[in-house]
Protein backbone atom coordinates (compact mmCIF):
# COMPACT_ATOMS: atom_id res chain seq x y z
CA MET A 1 29.44 11.63 13.35
CA ARG A 2 26.13 11.56 11.84
CA ARG A 3 25.01 8.25 13.15
CA ILE A 4 22.04 6.55 10.87
CA VAL A 5 19.18 4.59 12.31
CA LEU A 6 17.64 2.17 9.67
CA ALA A 7 14.02 0.48 11.02
CA LYS A 8 14.78 -3.56 11.03
CA HIS A 9 11.97 -4.10 8.95
CA ILE A 10 12.69 -2.05 5.16
CA GLY A 11 12.49 -2.82 2.10
CA PHE A 12 9.50 -5.00 0.09
CA CYS A 13 7.17 -6.50 2.24
CA SER A 14 6.25 -10.24 1.18
CA GLY A 15 3.51 -9.38 -0.85
CA VAL A 16 5.04 -7.04 -3.02
CA LYS A 17 8.44 -8.98 -3.07
CA ARG A 18 6.40 -11.81 -4.65
CA ALA A 19 4.50 -9.98 -7.09
CA VAL A 20 8.36 -8.46 -8.62
CA ASN A 21 9.90 -11.99 -8.70
CA LEU A 22 6.33 -12.96 -10.84
CA ALA A 23 7.30 -9.97 -13.21
CA TYR A 24 10.56 -10.57 -13.80
CA GLU A 25 9.95 -13.95 -13.79
CA ALA A 26 7.46 -13.70 -16.79
CA ALA A 27 9.34 -11.18 -18.67
CA LYS A 28 11.75 -14.10 -19.60
CA GLU A 29 8.80 -16.13 -21.43
CA SER A 30 6.71 -13.18 -23.23
CA LYS A 31 5.86 -9.66 -23.32
CA VAL A 32 4.31 -8.71 -20.17
CA TYR A 33 1.34 -6.36 -19.29
CA SER A 34 0.42 -4.51 -16.05
CA LEU A 35 -3.11 -2.95 -15.79
CA GLY A 36 -1.35 0.35 -13.77
CA PRO A 37 1.67 0.18 -11.73
CA LEU A 38 2.16 -3.05 -10.43
CA ILE A 39 3.81 -1.62 -7.22
CA HIS A 40 3.77 1.95 -6.12
CA ASN A 41 7.24 2.59 -6.90
CA PRO A 42 7.71 4.53 -9.72
CA GLN A 43 12.09 3.56 -9.63
CA GLU A 44 11.30 0.25 -9.76
CA VAL A 45 8.61 0.11 -12.33
CA LYS A 46 10.86 1.80 -14.47
CA ARG A 47 13.30 -1.09 -14.03
CA LEU A 48 10.68 -3.55 -14.53
CA GLU A 49 9.68 -1.82 -17.57
CA ARG A 50 13.24 -2.06 -19.04
CA ALA A 51 12.93 -5.71 -18.22
CA GLY A 52 9.60 -6.14 -20.46
CA ILE A 53 7.19 -5.64 -18.04
CA LYS A 54 4.89 -2.50 -19.89
CA VAL A 55 2.51 -0.63 -17.95
CA ILE A 56 -0.92 0.02 -19.60
CA THR A 57 -4.15 2.11 -18.38
CA THR A 58 -6.55 -0.31 -20.85
CA LEU A 59 -6.63 -3.51 -22.60
CA GLY A 60 -7.07 -1.62 -25.94
CA ASN A 61 -6.09 -4.09 -28.63
CA LEU A 62 -4.50 -6.28 -26.67
CA LYS A 63 -5.11 -10.02 -27.82
CA LYS A 64 -1.15 -11.82 -27.18
CA GLY A 65 1.37 -11.93 -24.17
CA ILE A 66 0.83 -11.94 -20.45
CA LEU A 67 -1.44 -9.70 -17.92
CA ILE A 68 0.02 -9.77 -14.89
CA VAL A 69 -2.20 -8.62 -12.00
CA ARG A 70 -0.91 -6.05 -9.95
CA SER A 71 -0.56 -6.54 -5.96
CA HIS A 72 -3.13 -4.03 -5.68
CA GLY A 73 -5.46 -6.61 -7.19
CA LEU A 74 -7.87 -6.01 -10.24
CA PRO A 75 -12.02 -6.90 -10.76
CA GLY A 76 -13.10 -9.89 -11.39
CA ARG A 77 -15.09 -8.98 -14.88
CA VAL A 78 -11.25 -7.07 -15.83
CA ILE A 79 -9.25 -10.01 -15.50
CA GLY A 80 -12.67 -11.92 -16.91
CA GLU A 81 -12.25 -10.01 -20.38
CA ALA A 82 -8.73 -10.74 -20.61
CA ARG A 83 -8.78 -14.22 -20.71
CA LYS A 84 -11.34 -14.04 -23.72
CA ARG A 85 -9.05 -11.55 -25.41
CA GLY A 86 -6.60 -14.66 -25.23
CA LEU A 87 -4.13 -13.35 -22.77
CA LYS A 88 -2.30 -15.35 -20.38
CA ILE A 89 -3.12 -14.34 -16.92
CA ILE A 90 -0.53 -14.23 -13.98
CA ASP A 91 -2.06 -12.93 -10.92
CA ALA A 92 0.81 -11.48 -8.46
CA THR A 93 -2.40 -10.22 -6.52
CA CYS A 94 -0.68 -9.80 -2.88
CA PRO A 95 -2.37 -12.56 -0.83
CA LEU A 96 -4.05 -10.58 2.26
CA VAL A 97 -5.60 -7.89 -0.73
CA LYS A 98 -7.11 -11.24 -1.88
CA LYS A 99 -8.12 -12.40 1.59
CA VAL A 100 -9.96 -8.89 1.87
CA GLN A 101 -12.02 -9.95 -1.46
CA GLU A 102 -13.18 -12.90 -0.22
CA ILE A 103 -14.57 -11.46 3.11
CA ALA A 104 -16.39 -8.88 1.28
CA GLY A 105 -17.72 -11.53 -1.28
CA ARG A 106 -18.78 -13.54 1.57
CA LEU A 107 -20.75 -10.80 4.07
CA LYS A 108 -22.71 -9.79 0.75
CA GLU A 109 -24.00 -13.28 0.47
CA ARG A 110 -24.87 -12.93 4.21
CA ARG A 111 -26.42 -9.46 3.11
CA TYR A 112 -24.34 -7.44 5.54
CA GLN A 113 -23.88 -3.45 4.66
CA ILE A 114 -20.12 -3.72 4.40
CA VAL A 115 -18.21 -0.58 5.52
CA MET A 116 -14.18 -0.41 4.22
CA VAL A 117 -12.15 1.71 5.96
CA ALA A 118 -9.77 2.53 3.05
CA ASP A 119 -8.93 5.26 0.75
CA ARG A 120 -11.62 5.71 -1.86
CA TYR A 121 -10.05 5.75 -5.07
CA HIS A 122 -7.00 3.70 -3.76
CA PRO A 123 -6.99 0.48 -6.83
CA GLU A 124 -7.57 -1.85 -3.83
CA VAL A 125 -10.79 -0.57 -2.88
CA LYS A 126 -12.12 -1.45 -6.49
CA ALA A 127 -11.91 -4.83 -6.54
CA VAL A 128 -13.22 -5.17 -3.19
CA GLN A 129 -16.26 -2.79 -4.00
CA GLU A 130 -16.77 -5.25 -6.76
CA ARG A 131 -16.93 -8.38 -4.47
CA ALA A 132 -19.03 -6.34 -1.81
CA GLY A 133 -21.80 -5.12 -4.34
CA ARG A 134 -24.11 -2.17 -3.64
CA LYS A 135 -24.20 -2.59 -0.04
CA PHE A 136 -21.11 -0.90 0.28
CA GLN A 137 -19.31 2.17 1.74
CA VAL A 138 -15.93 3.55 2.01
CA VAL A 139 -15.39 5.25 5.24
CA PRO A 140 -11.44 7.05 5.16
CA ASN A 141 -11.84 8.03 9.20
CA GLY A 142 -13.58 8.29 12.31
CA LYS A 143 -13.52 11.84 11.54
CA LYS A 144 -15.86 11.84 8.80
CA PRO A 145 -19.80 11.80 9.92
CA MET A 146 -21.38 8.09 9.00
CA PHE A 147 -24.96 7.62 8.97
CA PHE A 148 -26.34 4.23 8.75
CA PRO A 149 -29.84 3.35 10.08
CA ARG A 150 -30.08 1.08 13.19
CA ARG A 151 -29.07 -2.81 11.81
CA ASP A 152 -27.38 -5.39 13.32
CA LYS A 153 -25.36 -6.65 10.39
CA ILE A 154 -23.15 -4.36 9.45
CA GLY A 155 -19.39 -5.96 8.32
CA VAL A 156 -16.37 -3.66 8.99
CA ILE A 157 -13.39 -4.08 6.95
CA ALA A 158 -10.24 -2.21 6.14
CA GLN A 159 -7.62 -1.39 3.56
CA THR A 160 -4.44 -3.37 3.98
CA THR A 161 -2.59 -0.59 4.20
CA GLN A 162 -4.40 1.70 6.87
CA SER A 163 -3.32 3.04 9.77
CA GLU A 164 -4.72 0.98 13.49
CA LYS A 165 -5.75 4.76 14.64
CA ASN A 166 -8.00 5.02 11.74
CA PHE A 167 -9.63 1.80 11.60
CA ARG A 168 -10.45 2.24 15.70
CA GLU A 169 -12.09 5.59 15.17
CA VAL A 170 -14.24 4.20 12.82
CA ILE A 171 -15.26 1.19 14.70
CA ASN A 172 -16.02 3.46 17.75
CA GLN A 173 -18.17 5.80 15.64
CA LEU A 174 -20.52 2.68 14.55
CA LYS A 175 -20.38 1.26 17.47
CA ILE A 176 -22.56 4.14 18.86
CA PHE A 177 -25.63 3.37 17.32
CA ASN A 178 -24.49 -0.38 16.10
CA LYS A 179 -24.16 -2.71 18.74
CA GLY A 180 -24.29 -5.75 15.96
CA LEU A 181 -20.59 -4.97 13.85
CA LYS A 182 -19.01 -7.72 12.39
CA ILE A 183 -15.07 -6.53 12.95
CA TYR A 184 -12.62 -7.80 10.51
CA ASN A 185 -8.88 -6.10 10.70
CA THR A 186 -7.48 -6.81 7.64
CA ILE A 187 -4.85 -4.57 7.97
CA CYS A 188 -1.15 -5.92 6.73
CA GLN A 189 0.32 -6.94 9.86
CA GLU A 190 4.11 -5.63 7.85
CA THR A 191 2.05 -2.69 7.73
CA ALA A 192 1.26 -2.27 11.12
CA ARG A 193 4.60 -3.65 12.41
CA ARG A 194 6.17 -1.02 10.11
CA GLN A 195 4.24 1.62 11.75
CA ARG A 196 4.76 1.07 15.47
CA GLU A 197 8.72 0.72 14.54
CA LEU A 198 8.56 4.13 13.08
CA LEU A 199 6.99 5.61 16.29
CA GLY A 200 9.46 3.80 18.50
CA LEU A 201 12.30 5.00 16.17
CA ALA A 202 10.91 8.16 16.34
CA LYS A 203 11.77 8.85 19.94
CA THR A 204 15.20 7.92 19.53
CA VAL A 205 16.43 9.92 16.18
CA ASP A 206 16.52 14.20 15.24
CA VAL A 207 14.82 13.57 12.15
CA VAL A 208 12.67 10.69 10.47
CA LEU A 209 13.35 10.29 6.59
CA ILE A 210 10.56 8.19 5.12
CA ILE A 211 11.97 6.39 1.78
CA GLY A 212 8.87 5.20 -0.64
CA GLY A 213 6.59 6.47 -3.63
CA PHE A 214 4.50 9.60 -3.26
CA ASN A 215 1.78 7.35 -4.79
CA SER A 216 2.04 4.71 -2.03
CA ALA A 217 -0.25 4.85 0.40
CA ASN A 218 1.37 2.90 3.05
CA THR A 219 4.00 5.30 2.92
CA ARG A 220 1.92 8.16 3.02
CA ARG A 221 0.52 6.35 6.45
CA LEU A 222 3.98 6.23 7.82
CA LEU A 223 4.60 9.89 6.74
CA GLU A 224 1.15 10.76 8.72
CA LEU A 225 2.20 9.38 11.68
CA SER A 226 5.47 10.86 12.55
CA ARG A 227 4.44 14.04 11.33
CA GLN A 228 1.56 13.35 13.87
CA GLY A 229 4.09 12.77 16.69
CA GLY A 230 5.36 15.85 16.24
CA ILE A 231 9.03 14.55 14.70
CA VAL A 232 10.86 16.29 12.22
CA THR A 233 9.90 14.25 8.84
CA TYR A 234 10.67 14.15 5.22
CA GLN A 235 9.47 11.80 2.61
CA ILE A 236 11.95 11.28 -0.80
CA GLU A 237 11.82 8.51 -3.53
CA GLU A 238 14.94 7.90 -4.09
CA SER A 239 18.66 9.43 -3.27
CA LYS A 240 17.96 12.54 -5.21
CA GLY A 241 15.29 13.89 -3.24
CA LEU A 242 18.14 14.62 -0.28
CA ARG A 243 19.11 17.56 -2.29
CA LYS A 244 15.85 19.73 -1.06
CA ILE A 245 16.55 18.50 2.54
CA ASN A 246 17.99 20.52 5.17
CA LEU A 247 19.95 18.07 7.32
CA LYS A 248 22.62 20.39 8.98
CA GLY A 249 23.69 19.62 11.96
CA ILE A 250 21.48 16.87 12.65
CA LYS A 251 23.26 14.15 14.42
CA LYS A 252 21.15 10.99 14.05
CA ILE A 253 18.68 10.25 11.07
CA GLY A 254 16.39 7.57 11.37
CA ILE A 255 14.98 5.55 8.04
CA VAL A 256 11.63 3.77 7.30
CA THR A 257 10.34 2.39 4.06
CA GLY A 258 7.42 2.01 2.35
CA ALA A 259 6.30 -1.89 1.44
CA SER A 260 6.88 -0.88 -2.14
CA THR A 261 10.65 0.65 -1.49
CA PRO A 262 13.19 -1.72 -2.83
CA ASN A 263 16.42 -2.02 -1.13
CA TRP A 264 18.72 -0.76 -4.17
CA ILE A 265 17.02 2.65 -3.59
CA VAL A 266 17.66 2.20 0.30
CA GLU A 267 21.07 1.15 -0.09
CA GLU A 268 21.79 4.77 -2.48
CA VAL A 269 20.19 6.72 0.04
CA VAL A 270 22.70 5.57 2.90
CA ARG A 271 25.72 5.97 0.83
CA LYS A 272 24.96 9.55 -0.25
CA LEU A 273 24.02 10.16 3.45
CA GLU A 274 27.48 8.90 4.85
CA ILE A 275 29.01 11.51 2.16
CA MET A 276 27.03 14.35 2.99
CA PRO A 277 28.87 17.33 5.33
CA GLU A 278 27.27 17.28 8.38
CA ARG A 279 27.69 21.17 8.72
């Protein structure tokens, strides 16, 4: 009989849960707009749209309604522009993302060169970059060559959904020539915990199934970590994705989720797995 093993921490992380709850509450009051998807899960974003939360790409001609700041944050100039237009602002920025912005601002005031271990085009990075100013550089991982003049004042921060491995690699590279680093491990502990759980679970199952949006950085990181460990791993966004996966003969399936994956999707996947033939 096939066995399905769920990781201990699945579904929304606390920051995503807060953002989604704020959005649904705001939709009871007025038309709500999100500049870019509120979270990186297409299925939940569709649900939000049906509740009255519309995703937009620019402020355009908006002059009334509510702008909810996505969980990844927005640059301050964008929020300022929305306020000038008369939009009500609800800030759903993840508290930890906001903390990263604040650290970048303090490092800028102290004239540090700021290095952020991050995916260059992730929306979280844009708001941090605004706070950091010109002395800011994004480094995706320690395998990329980094050229910095010898200096004492380099501050290192991380995108909240980065892997501990990438963060350590960059720090080790920087330490070769720069001894006076100011290091802030701003990786979300919920994200780090899911990564550790994945690696532990992978040792006990035949296949790892990762459920999460294909546009989700933290979900992608889980996929990378699992495959680097040599375990057979698949990523799906929803139960429909099971059609493309061959699970014949698989006795034990481990399930982990990204931080933006709602419980209702996990439940649908588990129900589908339970009725799928084993052979």
